[in-house]
N, C-alpha and C. Protein backbone atom coordinates (compact mmCIF):
# COMPACT_ATOMS: atom_id res chain seq x y z
N GLN A 1 78.62 -101.77 80.28
CA GLN A 1 77.24 -101.59 79.57
C GLN A 1 76.04 -100.88 80.27
N VAL A 2 75.69 -100.69 78.90
CA VAL A 2 74.04 -99.59 79.49
C VAL A 2 73.33 -100.41 80.27
N GLN A 3 72.60 -100.02 81.41
CA GLN A 3 71.32 -100.40 81.36
C GLN A 3 69.93 -99.37 81.51
N LEU A 4 68.83 -99.51 81.36
CA LEU A 4 67.84 -99.64 81.53
C LEU A 4 66.48 -100.32 82.39
N VAL A 5 66.06 -99.96 83.56
CA VAL A 5 65.12 -100.67 84.26
C VAL A 5 64.04 -99.81 84.67
N GLU A 6 62.75 -100.47 84.01
CA GLU A 6 61.39 -100.20 83.99
C GLU A 6 60.97 -100.41 85.19
N SER A 7 60.02 -99.49 86.00
CA SER A 7 59.19 -100.34 86.68
C SER A 7 57.84 -99.75 86.88
N GLY A 8 57.01 -99.69 87.77
CA GLY A 8 55.71 -98.91 87.83
C GLY A 8 54.42 -99.48 87.14
N GLY A 9 54.79 -100.47 86.68
CA GLY A 9 53.77 -101.25 86.23
C GLY A 9 52.47 -102.27 87.35
N GLY A 10 51.62 -102.36 86.47
CA GLY A 10 50.82 -103.26 87.47
C GLY A 10 49.47 -103.60 86.91
N LEU A 11 48.36 -103.71 88.09
CA LEU A 11 47.29 -104.11 87.42
C LEU A 11 46.00 -102.84 87.62
N VAL A 12 44.92 -102.13 86.98
CA VAL A 12 44.62 -100.94 87.17
C VAL A 12 43.37 -100.94 86.43
N GLN A 13 42.32 -100.24 87.06
CA GLN A 13 41.00 -100.40 86.46
C GLN A 13 40.62 -99.30 85.08
N PRO A 14 39.85 -99.97 84.40
CA PRO A 14 39.43 -99.15 83.07
C PRO A 14 39.63 -97.25 83.62
N GLY A 15 40.28 -96.60 82.92
CA GLY A 15 39.56 -95.19 83.55
C GLY A 15 40.70 -94.60 84.52
N GLY A 16 41.93 -95.78 85.07
CA GLY A 16 43.08 -95.31 85.88
C GLY A 16 44.12 -94.77 85.63
N SER A 17 44.95 -94.31 86.44
CA SER A 17 46.42 -94.20 86.10
C SER A 17 47.39 -94.99 86.62
N LEU A 18 48.47 -94.92 85.55
CA LEU A 18 50.07 -95.53 86.70
C LEU A 18 50.91 -94.19 85.84
N ARG A 19 52.19 -94.08 86.74
CA ARG A 19 52.88 -93.78 86.06
C ARG A 19 54.42 -94.86 85.98
N LEU A 20 54.89 -94.90 84.50
CA LEU A 20 55.96 -95.78 84.77
C LEU A 20 57.31 -95.29 84.62
N SER A 21 57.99 -95.60 85.22
CA SER A 21 59.47 -95.34 85.47
C SER A 21 60.80 -95.85 84.34
N CYS A 22 62.02 -95.23 84.35
CA CYS A 22 62.50 -95.92 83.33
C CYS A 22 64.13 -94.95 84.12
N VAL A 23 64.83 -95.80 84.95
CA VAL A 23 66.21 -95.20 85.18
C VAL A 23 66.78 -95.98 84.48
N ALA A 24 68.16 -95.19 83.91
CA ALA A 24 69.24 -95.34 82.83
C ALA A 24 70.55 -95.35 83.96
N SER A 25 71.64 -96.30 83.90
CA SER A 25 72.68 -96.44 84.14
C SER A 25 73.60 -95.43 83.79
N GLU A 26 73.19 -94.60 83.31
CA GLU A 26 73.90 -93.06 82.94
C GLU A 26 72.98 -92.12 82.45
N SER A 27 73.19 -91.06 82.04
CA SER A 27 72.69 -89.93 81.96
C SER A 27 71.48 -89.66 80.51
N ILE A 28 70.59 -89.67 80.54
CA ILE A 28 69.73 -89.93 79.46
C ILE A 28 69.96 -89.06 78.50
N PHE A 29 70.97 -87.80 78.86
CA PHE A 29 71.39 -87.03 77.35
C PHE A 29 72.35 -87.59 76.65
N SER A 30 73.05 -88.83 77.13
CA SER A 30 73.45 -89.35 76.42
C SER A 30 73.25 -90.09 75.02
N PHE A 31 71.63 -90.10 75.11
CA PHE A 31 71.51 -91.07 74.33
C PHE A 31 70.39 -89.93 73.50
N VAL A 32 70.41 -90.13 72.03
CA VAL A 32 69.92 -89.02 70.87
C VAL A 32 68.15 -88.74 71.37
N ALA A 33 67.42 -89.60 72.15
CA ALA A 33 66.42 -89.97 72.29
C ALA A 33 65.68 -91.02 73.32
N MET A 34 64.91 -90.41 74.41
CA MET A 34 64.39 -92.14 75.07
C MET A 34 63.07 -92.30 74.59
N GLY A 35 62.69 -93.84 74.67
CA GLY A 35 61.68 -93.46 74.14
C GLY A 35 60.79 -94.82 75.16
N TRP A 36 59.58 -94.98 75.07
CA TRP A 36 58.54 -95.95 75.71
C TRP A 36 57.86 -96.48 74.31
N TYR A 37 58.09 -98.11 74.56
CA TYR A 37 57.04 -98.82 73.87
C TYR A 37 56.10 -99.78 74.16
N ARG A 38 55.62 -100.52 73.48
CA ARG A 38 55.14 -101.49 74.10
C ARG A 38 54.30 -102.67 73.07
N GLN A 39 54.32 -103.99 73.84
CA GLN A 39 54.21 -105.16 73.27
C GLN A 39 53.07 -105.79 73.71
N ALA A 40 51.82 -105.95 73.14
CA ALA A 40 50.75 -106.89 73.63
C ALA A 40 51.06 -108.08 73.25
N PRO A 41 50.43 -109.41 73.40
CA PRO A 41 50.54 -110.68 72.97
C PRO A 41 49.96 -110.80 71.89
N GLY A 42 50.69 -111.31 70.87
CA GLY A 42 50.30 -111.71 69.26
C GLY A 42 50.68 -110.58 68.35
N LYS A 43 51.17 -109.22 69.11
CA LYS A 43 51.38 -108.15 68.31
C LYS A 43 52.52 -107.50 68.24
N GLN A 44 53.25 -106.88 67.30
CA GLN A 44 54.64 -106.09 67.37
C GLN A 44 54.72 -105.06 68.45
N ARG A 45 55.98 -105.20 68.63
CA ARG A 45 56.17 -103.80 69.48
C ARG A 45 56.23 -102.65 68.53
N GLU A 46 55.49 -101.69 69.98
CA GLU A 46 54.88 -100.59 68.92
C GLU A 46 55.16 -99.18 69.55
N LEU A 47 55.74 -98.24 69.25
CA LEU A 47 55.88 -97.27 69.78
C LEU A 47 55.19 -96.18 70.14
N VAL A 48 55.27 -95.86 71.83
CA VAL A 48 54.15 -95.45 72.49
C VAL A 48 54.44 -93.57 72.59
N ALA A 49 55.58 -93.41 72.82
CA ALA A 49 55.93 -92.07 72.85
C ALA A 49 57.49 -92.20 73.43
N ARG A 50 57.73 -90.33 72.65
CA ARG A 50 59.63 -90.65 72.80
C ARG A 50 59.76 -89.09 72.99
N ILE A 51 60.98 -88.92 73.59
CA ILE A 51 61.21 -87.40 73.84
C ILE A 51 62.83 -87.40 73.65
N SER A 52 62.79 -86.92 72.52
CA SER A 52 64.27 -86.22 71.84
C SER A 52 65.28 -85.69 73.18
N ARG A 53 66.78 -85.52 72.78
CA ARG A 53 67.75 -84.72 73.57
C ARG A 53 66.93 -83.15 73.86
N GLY A 54 66.49 -82.94 72.85
CA GLY A 54 66.35 -81.37 72.59
C GLY A 54 64.86 -80.94 73.61
N GLY A 55 63.96 -82.66 73.73
CA GLY A 55 63.00 -81.93 74.53
C GLY A 55 61.77 -82.07 73.93
N ASP A 56 61.82 -82.54 72.37
CA ASP A 56 60.76 -82.86 71.43
C ASP A 56 60.22 -83.93 72.13
N THR A 57 59.00 -83.92 71.72
CA THR A 57 57.88 -85.10 72.39
C THR A 57 57.19 -85.53 70.88
N ASN A 58 57.29 -86.72 70.79
CA ASN A 58 55.82 -87.49 69.66
C ASN A 58 55.41 -88.35 70.51
N TYR A 59 53.80 -88.70 70.19
CA TYR A 59 53.33 -89.76 70.70
C TYR A 59 52.45 -90.61 69.54
N ALA A 60 52.41 -91.50 69.70
CA ALA A 60 51.57 -92.43 68.82
C ALA A 60 49.61 -91.76 68.96
N ASP A 61 49.21 -91.95 68.12
CA ASP A 61 47.82 -91.66 67.83
C ASP A 61 47.19 -91.77 68.80
N PHE A 62 47.06 -93.48 69.53
CA PHE A 62 46.41 -93.95 70.24
C PHE A 62 46.41 -93.85 71.38
N VAL A 63 47.56 -92.44 71.93
CA VAL A 63 47.56 -92.24 73.51
C VAL A 63 47.77 -90.67 73.41
N LYS A 64 47.54 -89.80 72.54
CA LYS A 64 47.80 -88.85 72.19
C LYS A 64 46.61 -88.04 73.13
N GLY A 65 46.86 -87.24 74.28
CA GLY A 65 45.94 -86.79 75.33
C GLY A 65 45.72 -87.77 76.64
N ARG A 66 46.17 -89.02 76.37
CA ARG A 66 46.20 -89.38 77.33
C ARG A 66 47.13 -89.87 78.67
N PHE A 67 48.53 -89.97 77.31
CA PHE A 67 49.93 -90.42 78.00
C PHE A 67 50.71 -89.26 78.12
N THR A 68 51.57 -89.03 78.82
CA THR A 68 52.69 -88.12 78.59
C THR A 68 54.05 -88.53 79.28
N ILE A 69 55.09 -88.14 78.35
CA ILE A 69 56.33 -88.56 78.59
C ILE A 69 57.64 -87.57 79.24
N SER A 70 58.45 -87.76 80.09
CA SER A 70 58.66 -86.46 81.00
C SER A 70 60.01 -87.18 81.36
N ARG A 71 60.95 -86.15 81.53
CA ARG A 71 61.98 -86.40 82.09
C ARG A 71 62.47 -86.39 83.77
N GLY A 72 62.48 -86.85 84.32
CA GLY A 72 63.03 -86.62 85.56
C GLY A 72 63.68 -85.24 86.00
N ASN A 73 64.06 -84.61 87.24
CA ASN A 73 64.89 -84.00 87.75
C ASN A 73 66.08 -84.80 87.92
N VAL A 74 66.41 -85.96 87.93
CA VAL A 74 67.68 -86.60 87.95
C VAL A 74 67.95 -86.94 86.64
N LYS A 75 69.34 -86.59 86.17
CA LYS A 75 69.73 -86.66 85.02
C LYS A 75 69.56 -88.16 84.30
N ASN A 76 69.12 -89.23 84.87
CA ASN A 76 69.00 -90.78 84.36
C ASN A 76 67.38 -90.71 84.00
N THR A 77 66.69 -90.45 84.36
CA THR A 77 65.59 -90.80 84.78
C THR A 77 64.25 -90.57 83.58
N VAL A 78 63.55 -91.16 83.04
CA VAL A 78 62.29 -91.12 81.81
C VAL A 78 60.74 -91.54 82.70
N TYR A 79 59.63 -90.87 82.35
CA TYR A 79 58.68 -91.07 83.04
C TYR A 79 57.51 -91.34 81.73
N LEU A 80 56.62 -92.00 81.84
CA LEU A 80 55.49 -92.25 81.50
C LEU A 80 54.25 -92.37 82.36
N GLN A 81 53.63 -90.81 82.24
CA GLN A 81 52.41 -91.02 83.14
C GLN A 81 51.24 -91.40 81.91
N MET A 82 50.38 -91.91 82.49
CA MET A 82 49.35 -92.71 81.87
C MET A 82 48.09 -92.69 82.19
N ASP A 83 46.86 -91.62 81.80
CA ASP A 83 45.72 -91.50 82.43
C ASP A 83 44.59 -92.20 81.66
N SER A 84 43.52 -92.13 81.96
CA SER A 84 42.53 -92.48 81.65
C SER A 84 42.50 -94.14 80.58
N LEU A 85 43.70 -95.07 81.22
CA LEU A 85 43.80 -96.16 81.08
C LEU A 85 42.99 -96.82 79.78
N LYS A 86 42.75 -97.39 78.92
CA LYS A 86 41.85 -98.67 78.56
C LYS A 86 42.60 -100.02 78.17
N PRO A 87 41.64 -101.01 78.44
CA PRO A 87 41.86 -102.44 78.49
C PRO A 87 43.24 -102.69 76.91
N GLU A 88 42.67 -101.72 75.80
CA GLU A 88 43.44 -101.92 75.01
C GLU A 88 45.03 -101.61 75.19
N ASP A 89 45.04 -100.68 76.56
CA ASP A 89 46.59 -100.57 76.88
C ASP A 89 47.43 -101.66 77.21
N THR A 90 46.70 -102.70 77.68
CA THR A 90 47.37 -104.07 78.35
C THR A 90 48.70 -104.35 77.20
N ALA A 91 49.93 -104.12 78.12
CA ALA A 91 50.71 -104.56 77.24
C ALA A 91 52.18 -104.64 78.35
N LEU A 92 53.42 -105.33 77.45
CA LEU A 92 54.52 -105.15 77.78
C LEU A 92 55.15 -103.97 77.79
N TYR A 93 55.44 -102.98 78.58
CA TYR A 93 55.99 -101.78 78.16
C TYR A 93 57.54 -101.74 78.82
N TYR A 94 57.89 -101.11 77.76
CA TYR A 94 59.74 -101.34 77.35
C TYR A 94 60.55 -99.87 77.39
N CYS A 95 61.38 -99.26 78.08
CA CYS A 95 62.30 -97.92 77.79
C CYS A 95 62.66 -98.33 76.70
N ASN A 96 63.11 -97.55 75.86
CA ASN A 96 64.15 -97.60 75.25
C ASN A 96 65.33 -96.48 75.00
N GLY A 97 66.51 -96.45 74.33
CA GLY A 97 67.28 -95.81 74.39
C GLY A 97 67.86 -95.42 73.11
N GLU A 98 68.07 -94.32 72.29
CA GLU A 98 68.69 -94.60 70.78
C GLU A 98 69.75 -93.76 71.28
N ARG A 99 70.58 -94.33 70.18
CA ARG A 99 72.19 -93.49 70.17
C ARG A 99 72.03 -92.94 68.40
N SER A 100 72.94 -91.89 68.48
CA SER A 100 73.00 -91.62 67.17
C SER A 100 73.43 -92.67 66.02
N ILE A 101 74.30 -93.84 66.61
CA ILE A 101 75.10 -94.97 65.62
C ILE A 101 75.03 -96.31 66.80
N GLY A 102 74.72 -97.46 66.22
CA GLY A 102 74.57 -98.53 66.78
C GLY A 102 73.41 -98.89 67.24
N PHE A 103 72.52 -99.98 67.81
CA PHE A 103 71.87 -100.61 68.22
C PHE A 103 71.34 -99.54 69.35
N PRO A 104 70.10 -99.74 69.59
CA PRO A 104 69.33 -99.05 71.06
C PRO A 104 69.45 -99.72 71.86
N TYR A 105 69.05 -99.54 73.03
CA TYR A 105 69.17 -100.13 74.21
C TYR A 105 67.82 -100.59 74.88
N TRP A 106 67.41 -101.35 75.25
CA TRP A 106 65.98 -101.76 76.08
C TRP A 106 66.07 -102.77 77.55
N GLY A 107 65.15 -102.08 77.93
CA GLY A 107 65.05 -102.40 79.18
C GLY A 107 64.30 -103.78 79.38
N GLN A 108 64.05 -104.27 80.48
CA GLN A 108 63.32 -105.97 80.42
C GLN A 108 61.88 -105.58 80.69
N GLY A 109 61.08 -104.38 80.55
CA GLY A 109 59.79 -104.17 80.33
C GLY A 109 59.07 -103.91 81.77
N THR A 110 57.90 -103.58 81.96
CA THR A 110 57.41 -103.52 83.07
C THR A 110 55.77 -103.72 82.27
N GLN A 111 54.68 -104.79 83.19
CA GLN A 111 53.53 -104.66 82.78
C GLN A 111 52.37 -104.28 83.29
N VAL A 112 51.34 -104.09 82.13
CA VAL A 112 50.38 -103.27 82.77
C VAL A 112 49.32 -103.55 82.08
N THR A 113 48.44 -104.23 83.14
CA THR A 113 47.05 -104.48 82.56
C THR A 113 46.12 -103.81 83.43
N VAL A 114 45.01 -103.63 82.21
CA VAL A 114 44.22 -102.74 82.45
C VAL A 114 42.51 -103.67 82.37
N SER A 115 42.05 -103.89 83.32
CA SER A 115 41.11 -104.48 83.76
C SER A 115 40.61 -104.46 84.53
N SER A 116 38.87 -104.75 84.71
CA SER A 116 37.88 -104.44 85.50
C SER A 116 37.54 -105.69 86.51
């Protein structure tokens, strides 16, 4: 059973930064792509950023220029660097692993709260 474990969330002031980490129980290159999603209370889960096996990245418009998704030197880690955080970025952030077939894998989430 594949496991994805997120960490790095917390409370930060507006304008601050956080780096989220996602550690997979197997190489992330076994996935078609890895992504970060978020879900705020009362809202649907939404894509934040995604990186394909080949290294192509895409971002939601609301984080472009502020967030960066990357892969670690260790082959089972994905990061999300979040800068210039805003209160509206407050949400539970999930790591996601896509397969070419079958259901995606999800982590348990890490809470990010942006507040003064």
